[in-house]
Amino acid sequence: MPADTATLPAKPSIWKKLAIIVPLVAIAAFETWDGWTNLAIPDSINQRSAIGGIFLIAHILSQPVLGAAALVLACIGRVREAIIVLAANIVLRWLTADLFDPANWKITGFFSAQETIMNLVVMPIAGLVAGSLAARGIRLGLARFLVCLPTLYLIVMMVGFFIGVMIYGF
């Protein structure tokens, strides 16, 4: 086949690019904001195991940096790298759950069960799968969804808590 008649792969439209970039920018902005608001080291460090405390401090210090890096990478169109950075943030958040304390695995009702399953099972799997898909450069739409899933869950839980407080009070 002559070189002048060969077809080139189609470039994605601007709308397709925006559909991938805008959610990443929003999630990265939320993670950056959440990281800056959590910079005060909580009192719960003393109640954790030594390894859990180290991971908590690592996450507290790295979350605003990782969020800002993902925000910049998403804004300049480096989707793969932004997904990898957000996936690293998810894995660090999972490590702060202090998996070595059996009290964190306690399930007392429906809401504690879904929160425990989400935080200790779904989040790390989503983060690891999203990071591996982005690193290989395949299925970036799925990787974007998986990396947004834990943050969207946290936002939904915060909104639900806010609505509950507004209806019933403390």
C-alpha atoms as a PDB file:
ATOM      1  CA  MET A   1       0.000   0.000   0.000  1.00  0.00           C
ATOM      2  CA  PRO A   2       1.496   3.377  -0.955  1.00  0.00           C
ATOM      3  CA  ALA A   3       2.354   5.744   1.867  1.00  0.00           C
ATOM      4  CA  ASP A   4       0.123   8.534   0.553  1.00  0.00           C
ATOM      5  CA  THR A   5      -3.081   6.441   0.788  1.00  0.00           C
ATOM      6  CA  ALA A   6      -2.446   4.964   4.236  1.00  0.00           C
ATOM      7  CA  THR A   7      -4.954   6.070   6.810  1.00  0.00           C
ATOM      8  CA  LEU A   8      -3.814   7.657  10.008  1.00  0.00           C
ATOM      9  CA  PRO A   9      -5.495   6.856  13.300  1.00  0.00           C
ATOM     10  CA  ALA A  10      -8.218   9.326  14.116  1.00  0.00           C
ATOM     11  CA  LYS A  11      -7.467  11.899  16.762  1.00  0.00           C
ATOM     12  CA  PRO A  12      -9.967  11.996  19.619  1.00  0.00           C
ATOM     13  CA  SER A  13     -12.361  14.904  19.511  1.00  0.00           C
ATOM     14  CA  ILE A  14     -12.080  17.768  21.961  1.00  0.00           C
ATOM     15  CA  TRP A  15     -15.246  16.579  23.722  1.00  0.00           C
ATOM     16  CA  LYS A  16     -13.770  13.136  24.283  1.00  0.00           C
ATOM     17  CA  LYS A  17     -10.627  14.687  25.730  1.00  0.00           C
ATOM     18  CA  LEU A  18     -12.693  16.924  28.001  1.00  0.00           C
ATOM     19  CA  ALA A  19     -14.791  13.965  29.147  1.00  0.00           C
ATOM     20  CA  ILE A  20     -11.595  12.319  30.372  1.00  0.00           C
ATOM     21  CA  ILE A  21      -9.804  15.381  31.748  1.00  0.00           C
ATOM     22  CA  VAL A  22     -12.611  17.244  33.572  1.00  0.00           C
ATOM     23  CA  PRO A  23     -13.429  14.466  36.092  1.00  0.00           C
ATOM     24  CA  LEU A  24      -9.734  14.010  36.829  1.00  0.00           C
ATOM     25  CA  VAL A  25      -9.320  17.752  37.406  1.00  0.00           C
ATOM     26  CA  ALA A  26     -12.328  17.789  39.741  1.00  0.00           C
ATOM     27  CA  ILE A  27     -11.150  14.764  41.743  1.00  0.00           C
ATOM     28  CA  ALA A  28      -7.573  16.057  41.917  1.00  0.00           C
ATOM     29  CA  ALA A  29      -8.820  19.468  43.091  1.00  0.00           C
ATOM     30  CA  PHE A  30     -10.913  17.816  45.808  1.00  0.00           C
ATOM     31  CA  GLU A  31      -7.972  15.654  46.903  1.00  0.00           C
ATOM     32  CA  THR A  32      -5.719  18.729  47.054  1.00  0.00           C
ATOM     33  CA  TRP A  33      -8.281  20.643  49.112  1.00  0.00           C
ATOM     34  CA  ASP A  34      -8.860  17.650  51.391  1.00  0.00           C
ATOM     35  CA  GLY A  35      -5.114  17.220  51.828  1.00  0.00           C
ATOM     36  CA  TRP A  36      -4.584  20.850  52.812  1.00  0.00           C
ATOM     37  CA  THR A  37      -7.424  20.717  55.336  1.00  0.00           C
ATOM     38  CA  ASN A  38      -6.021  17.529  56.894  1.00  0.00           C
ATOM     39  CA  LEU A  39      -2.488  18.841  57.396  1.00  0.00           C
ATOM     40  CA  ALA A  40      -3.007  19.230  61.135  1.00  0.00           C
ATOM     41  CA  ILE A  41      -1.846  15.904  62.529  1.00  0.00           C
ATOM     42  CA  PRO A  42      -4.804  14.298  64.315  1.00  0.00           C
ATOM     43  CA  ASP A  43      -4.686  13.034  67.877  1.00  0.00           C
ATOM     44  CA  SER A  44      -5.490   9.528  66.668  1.00  0.00           C
ATOM     45  CA  ILE A  45      -1.820   8.905  65.798  1.00  0.00           C
ATOM     46  CA  ASN A  46      -1.173   7.858  69.393  1.00  0.00           C
ATOM     47  CA  GLN A  47      -3.985   5.310  69.188  1.00  0.00           C
ATOM     48  CA  ARG A  48      -2.517   3.508  66.170  1.00  0.00           C
ATOM     49  CA  SER A  49       0.101   0.842  65.812  1.00  0.00           C
ATOM     50  CA  ALA A  50       3.575   2.052  64.917  1.00  0.00           C
ATOM     51  CA  ILE A  51       3.210   1.048  61.268  1.00  0.00           C
ATOM     52  CA  GLY A  52      -0.283   2.568  61.052  1.00  0.00           C
ATOM     53  CA  GLY A  53       1.028   5.853  62.489  1.00  0.00           C
ATOM     54  CA  ILE A  54       3.839   5.977  59.952  1.00  0.00           C
ATOM     55  CA  PHE A  55       1.428   5.425  57.068  1.00  0.00           C
ATOM     56  CA  LEU A  56      -0.943   8.047  58.476  1.00  0.00           C
ATOM     57  CA  ILE A  57       1.819  10.660  58.662  1.00  0.00           C
ATOM     58  CA  ALA A  58       3.007   9.712  55.159  1.00  0.00           C
ATOM     59  CA  HIS A  59      -0.507  10.138  53.781  1.00  0.00           C
ATOM     60  CA  ILE A  60      -1.135  13.415  55.615  1.00  0.00           C
ATOM     61  CA  LEU A  61       2.082  14.894  54.238  1.00  0.00           C
ATOM     62  CA  SER A  62       1.788  13.488  50.721  1.00  0.00           C
ATOM     63  CA  GLN A  63      -1.935  13.921  49.969  1.00  0.00           C
ATOM     64  CA  PRO A  64      -1.777  17.657  49.143  1.00  0.00           C
ATOM     65  CA  VAL A  65       1.367  17.128  47.076  1.00  0.00           C
ATOM     66  CA  LEU A  66      -0.089  14.169  45.184  1.00  0.00           C
ATOM     67  CA  GLY A  67      -3.377  16.014  44.677  1.00  0.00           C
ATOM     68  CA  ALA A  68      -1.618  19.103  43.331  1.00  0.00           C
ATOM     69  CA  ALA A  69       0.581  16.977  41.070  1.00  0.00           C
ATOM     70  CA  ALA A  70      -2.466  15.152  39.708  1.00  0.00           C
ATOM     71  CA  LEU A  71      -4.247  18.477  39.209  1.00  0.00           C
ATOM     72  CA  VAL A  72      -1.348  19.914  37.205  1.00  0.00           C
ATOM     73  CA  LEU A  73      -0.918  16.716  35.185  1.00  0.00           C
ATOM     74  CA  ALA A  74      -4.635  16.541  34.383  1.00  0.00           C
ATOM     75  CA  CYS A  75      -4.729  20.221  33.407  1.00  0.00           C
ATOM     76  CA  ILE A  76      -1.897  19.822  30.924  1.00  0.00           C
ATOM     77  CA  GLY A  77      -3.459  16.685  29.466  1.00  0.00           C
ATOM     78  CA  ARG A  78      -1.161  14.022  30.939  1.00  0.00           C
ATOM     79  CA  VAL A  79      -4.026  11.666  31.782  1.00  0.00           C
ATOM     80  CA  ARG A  80      -1.992   8.515  32.354  1.00  0.00           C
ATOM     81  CA  GLU A  81       0.337  10.176  34.835  1.00  0.00           C
ATOM     82  CA  ALA A  82      -2.553  11.896  36.650  1.00  0.00           C
ATOM     83  CA  ILE A  83      -4.320   8.552  37.075  1.00  0.00           C
ATOM     84  CA  ILE A  84      -1.143   6.936  38.404  1.00  0.00           C
ATOM     85  CA  VAL A  85      -0.649   9.741  40.945  1.00  0.00           C
ATOM     86  CA  LEU A  86      -4.263   9.514  42.117  1.00  0.00           C
ATOM     87  CA  ALA A  87      -3.948   5.724  42.349  1.00  0.00           C
ATOM     88  CA  ALA A  88      -0.884   6.146  44.578  1.00  0.00           C
ATOM     89  CA  ASN A  89      -2.944   8.453  46.786  1.00  0.00           C
ATOM     90  CA  ILE A  90      -5.679   5.813  47.046  1.00  0.00           C
ATOM     91  CA  VAL A  91      -3.199   3.139  48.085  1.00  0.00           C
ATOM     92  CA  LEU A  92      -1.688   5.452  50.708  1.00  0.00           C
ATOM     93  CA  ARG A  93      -5.171   6.220  52.039  1.00  0.00           C
ATOM     94  CA  TRP A  94      -5.817   2.487  52.280  1.00  0.00           C
ATOM     95  CA  LEU A  95      -2.595   1.959  54.221  1.00  0.00           C
ATOM     96  CA  THR A  96      -3.730   4.548  56.787  1.00  0.00           C
ATOM     97  CA  ALA A  97      -6.700   2.330  57.696  1.00  0.00           C
ATOM     98  CA  ASP A  98      -4.362   0.623  60.197  1.00  0.00           C
ATOM     99  CA  LEU A  99      -4.976  -2.871  58.903  1.00  0.00           C
ATOM    100  CA  PHE A 100      -2.932  -4.285  61.754  1.00  0.00           C
ATOM    101  CA  ASP A 101      -5.569  -3.299  64.329  1.00  0.00           C
ATOM    102  CA  PRO A 102      -8.349  -5.934  64.499  1.00  0.00           C
ATOM    103  CA  ALA A 103     -10.805  -3.298  65.774  1.00  0.00           C
ATOM    104  CA  ASN A 104     -10.890  -1.832  62.259  1.00  0.00           C
ATOM    105  CA  TRP A 105     -12.326  -5.064  60.884  1.00  0.00           C
ATOM    106  CA  LYS A 106     -15.325  -4.966  63.231  1.00  0.00           C
ATOM    107  CA  ILE A 107     -18.718  -4.966  61.485  1.00  0.00           C
ATOM    108  CA  THR A 108     -21.635  -3.895  63.660  1.00  0.00           C
ATOM    109  CA  GLY A 109     -24.329  -2.948  61.145  1.00  0.00           C
ATOM    110  CA  PHE A 110     -25.099  -2.272  57.515  1.00  0.00           C
ATOM    111  CA  PHE A 111     -23.341   1.087  57.313  1.00  0.00           C
ATOM    112  CA  SER A 112     -20.220  -0.074  59.117  1.00  0.00           C
ATOM    113  CA  ALA A 113     -20.159  -3.175  56.885  1.00  0.00           C
ATOM    114  CA  GLN A 114     -20.354  -1.221  53.633  1.00  0.00           C
ATOM    115  CA  GLU A 115     -17.803   1.313  54.895  1.00  0.00           C
ATOM    116  CA  THR A 116     -15.401  -1.429  55.990  1.00  0.00           C
ATOM    117  CA  ILE A 117     -15.771  -3.301  52.701  1.00  0.00           C
ATOM    118  CA  MET A 118     -15.320  -0.101  50.697  1.00  0.00           C
ATOM    119  CA  ASN A 119     -12.292   1.141  52.650  1.00  0.00           C
ATOM    120  CA  LEU A 120     -10.471  -2.141  53.106  1.00  0.00           C
ATOM    121  CA  VAL A 121     -11.363  -4.081  49.953  1.00  0.00           C
ATOM    122  CA  VAL A 122     -12.776  -1.984  47.102  1.00  0.00           C
ATOM    123  CA  MET A 123     -10.531   1.101  47.420  1.00  0.00           C
ATOM    124  CA  PRO A 124      -7.183  -0.712  47.222  1.00  0.00           C
ATOM    125  CA  ILE A 125      -8.357  -2.925  44.369  1.00  0.00           C
ATOM    126  CA  ALA A 126      -9.665   0.112  42.471  1.00  0.00           C
ATOM    127  CA  GLY A 127      -6.436   2.020  43.045  1.00  0.00           C
ATOM    128  CA  LEU A 128      -4.152  -0.832  42.053  1.00  0.00           C
ATOM    129  CA  VAL A 129      -6.168  -1.752  38.948  1.00  0.00           C
ATOM    130  CA  ALA A 130      -6.433   1.897  37.863  1.00  0.00           C
ATOM    131  CA  GLY A 131      -2.714   2.430  38.344  1.00  0.00           C
ATOM    132  CA  SER A 132      -1.794  -0.704  36.420  1.00  0.00           C
ATOM    133  CA  LEU A 133      -4.183   0.100  33.556  1.00  0.00           C
ATOM    134  CA  ALA A 134      -2.837   3.647  33.306  1.00  0.00           C
ATOM    135  CA  ALA A 135       0.768   2.482  33.481  1.00  0.00           C
ATOM    136  CA  ARG A 136       0.138   0.156  30.544  1.00  0.00           C
ATOM    137  CA  GLY A 137      -1.835   2.835  28.700  1.00  0.00           C
ATOM    138  CA  ILE A 138      -4.925   0.713  28.137  1.00  0.00           C
ATOM    139  CA  ARG A 139      -8.572   1.343  29.031  1.00  0.00           C
ATOM    140  CA  LEU A 140      -7.976   4.846  30.353  1.00  0.00           C
ATOM    141  CA  GLY A 141     -11.722   5.422  30.673  1.00  0.00           C
ATOM    142  CA  LEU A 142     -12.040   2.491  33.077  1.00  0.00           C
ATOM    143  CA  ALA A 143      -8.903   3.581  34.921  1.00  0.00           C
ATOM    144  CA  ARG A 144     -10.327   7.087  35.250  1.00  0.00           C
ATOM    145  CA  PHE A 145     -13.587   5.701  36.673  1.00  0.00           C
ATOM    146  CA  LEU A 146     -11.755   3.449  39.135  1.00  0.00           C
ATOM    147  CA  VAL A 147      -9.500   6.238  40.357  1.00  0.00           C
ATOM    148  CA  CYS A 148     -12.504   8.552  40.836  1.00  0.00           C
ATOM    149  CA  LEU A 149     -14.600   5.922  42.638  1.00  0.00           C
ATOM    150  CA  PRO A 150     -13.061   6.193  46.160  1.00  0.00           C
ATOM    151  CA  THR A 151     -13.172   9.991  46.179  1.00  0.00           C
ATOM    152  CA  LEU A 152     -16.755  10.013  44.911  1.00  0.00           C
ATOM    153  CA  TYR A 153     -17.637   7.563  47.685  1.00  0.00           C
ATOM    154  CA  LEU A 154     -16.103   9.887  50.282  1.00  0.00           C
ATOM    155  CA  ILE A 155     -17.996  12.863  48.847  1.00  0.00           C
ATOM    156  CA  VAL A 156     -21.292  10.936  48.923  1.00  0.00           C
ATOM    157  CA  MET A 157     -20.627   9.910  52.535  1.00  0.00           C
ATOM    158  CA  MET A 158     -19.876  13.530  53.519  1.00  0.00           C
ATOM    159  CA  VAL A 159     -23.056  14.771  51.833  1.00  0.00           C
ATOM    160  CA  GLY A 160     -25.071  12.016  53.519  1.00  0.00           C
ATOM    161  CA  PHE A 161     -23.610  12.941  56.898  1.00  0.00           C
ATOM    162  CA  PHE A 162     -24.362  16.617  56.265  1.00  0.00           C
ATOM    163  CA  ILE A 163     -27.969  15.838  55.321  1.00  0.00           C
ATOM    164  CA  GLY A 164     -28.356  13.635  58.390  1.00  0.00           C
ATOM    165  CA  VAL A 165     -27.054  16.413  60.644  1.00  0.00           C
ATOM    166  CA  MET A 166     -29.330  18.950  58.991  1.00  0.00           C
ATOM    167  CA  ILE A 167     -32.391  16.736  59.507  1.00  0.00           C
ATOM    168  CA  TYR A 168     -31.717  15.236  62.936  1.00  0.00           C
ATOM    169  CA  GLY A 169     -28.943  17.383  64.432  1.00  0.00           C
ATOM    170  CA  PHE A 170     -26.093  15.979  66.460  1.00  0.00           C
END
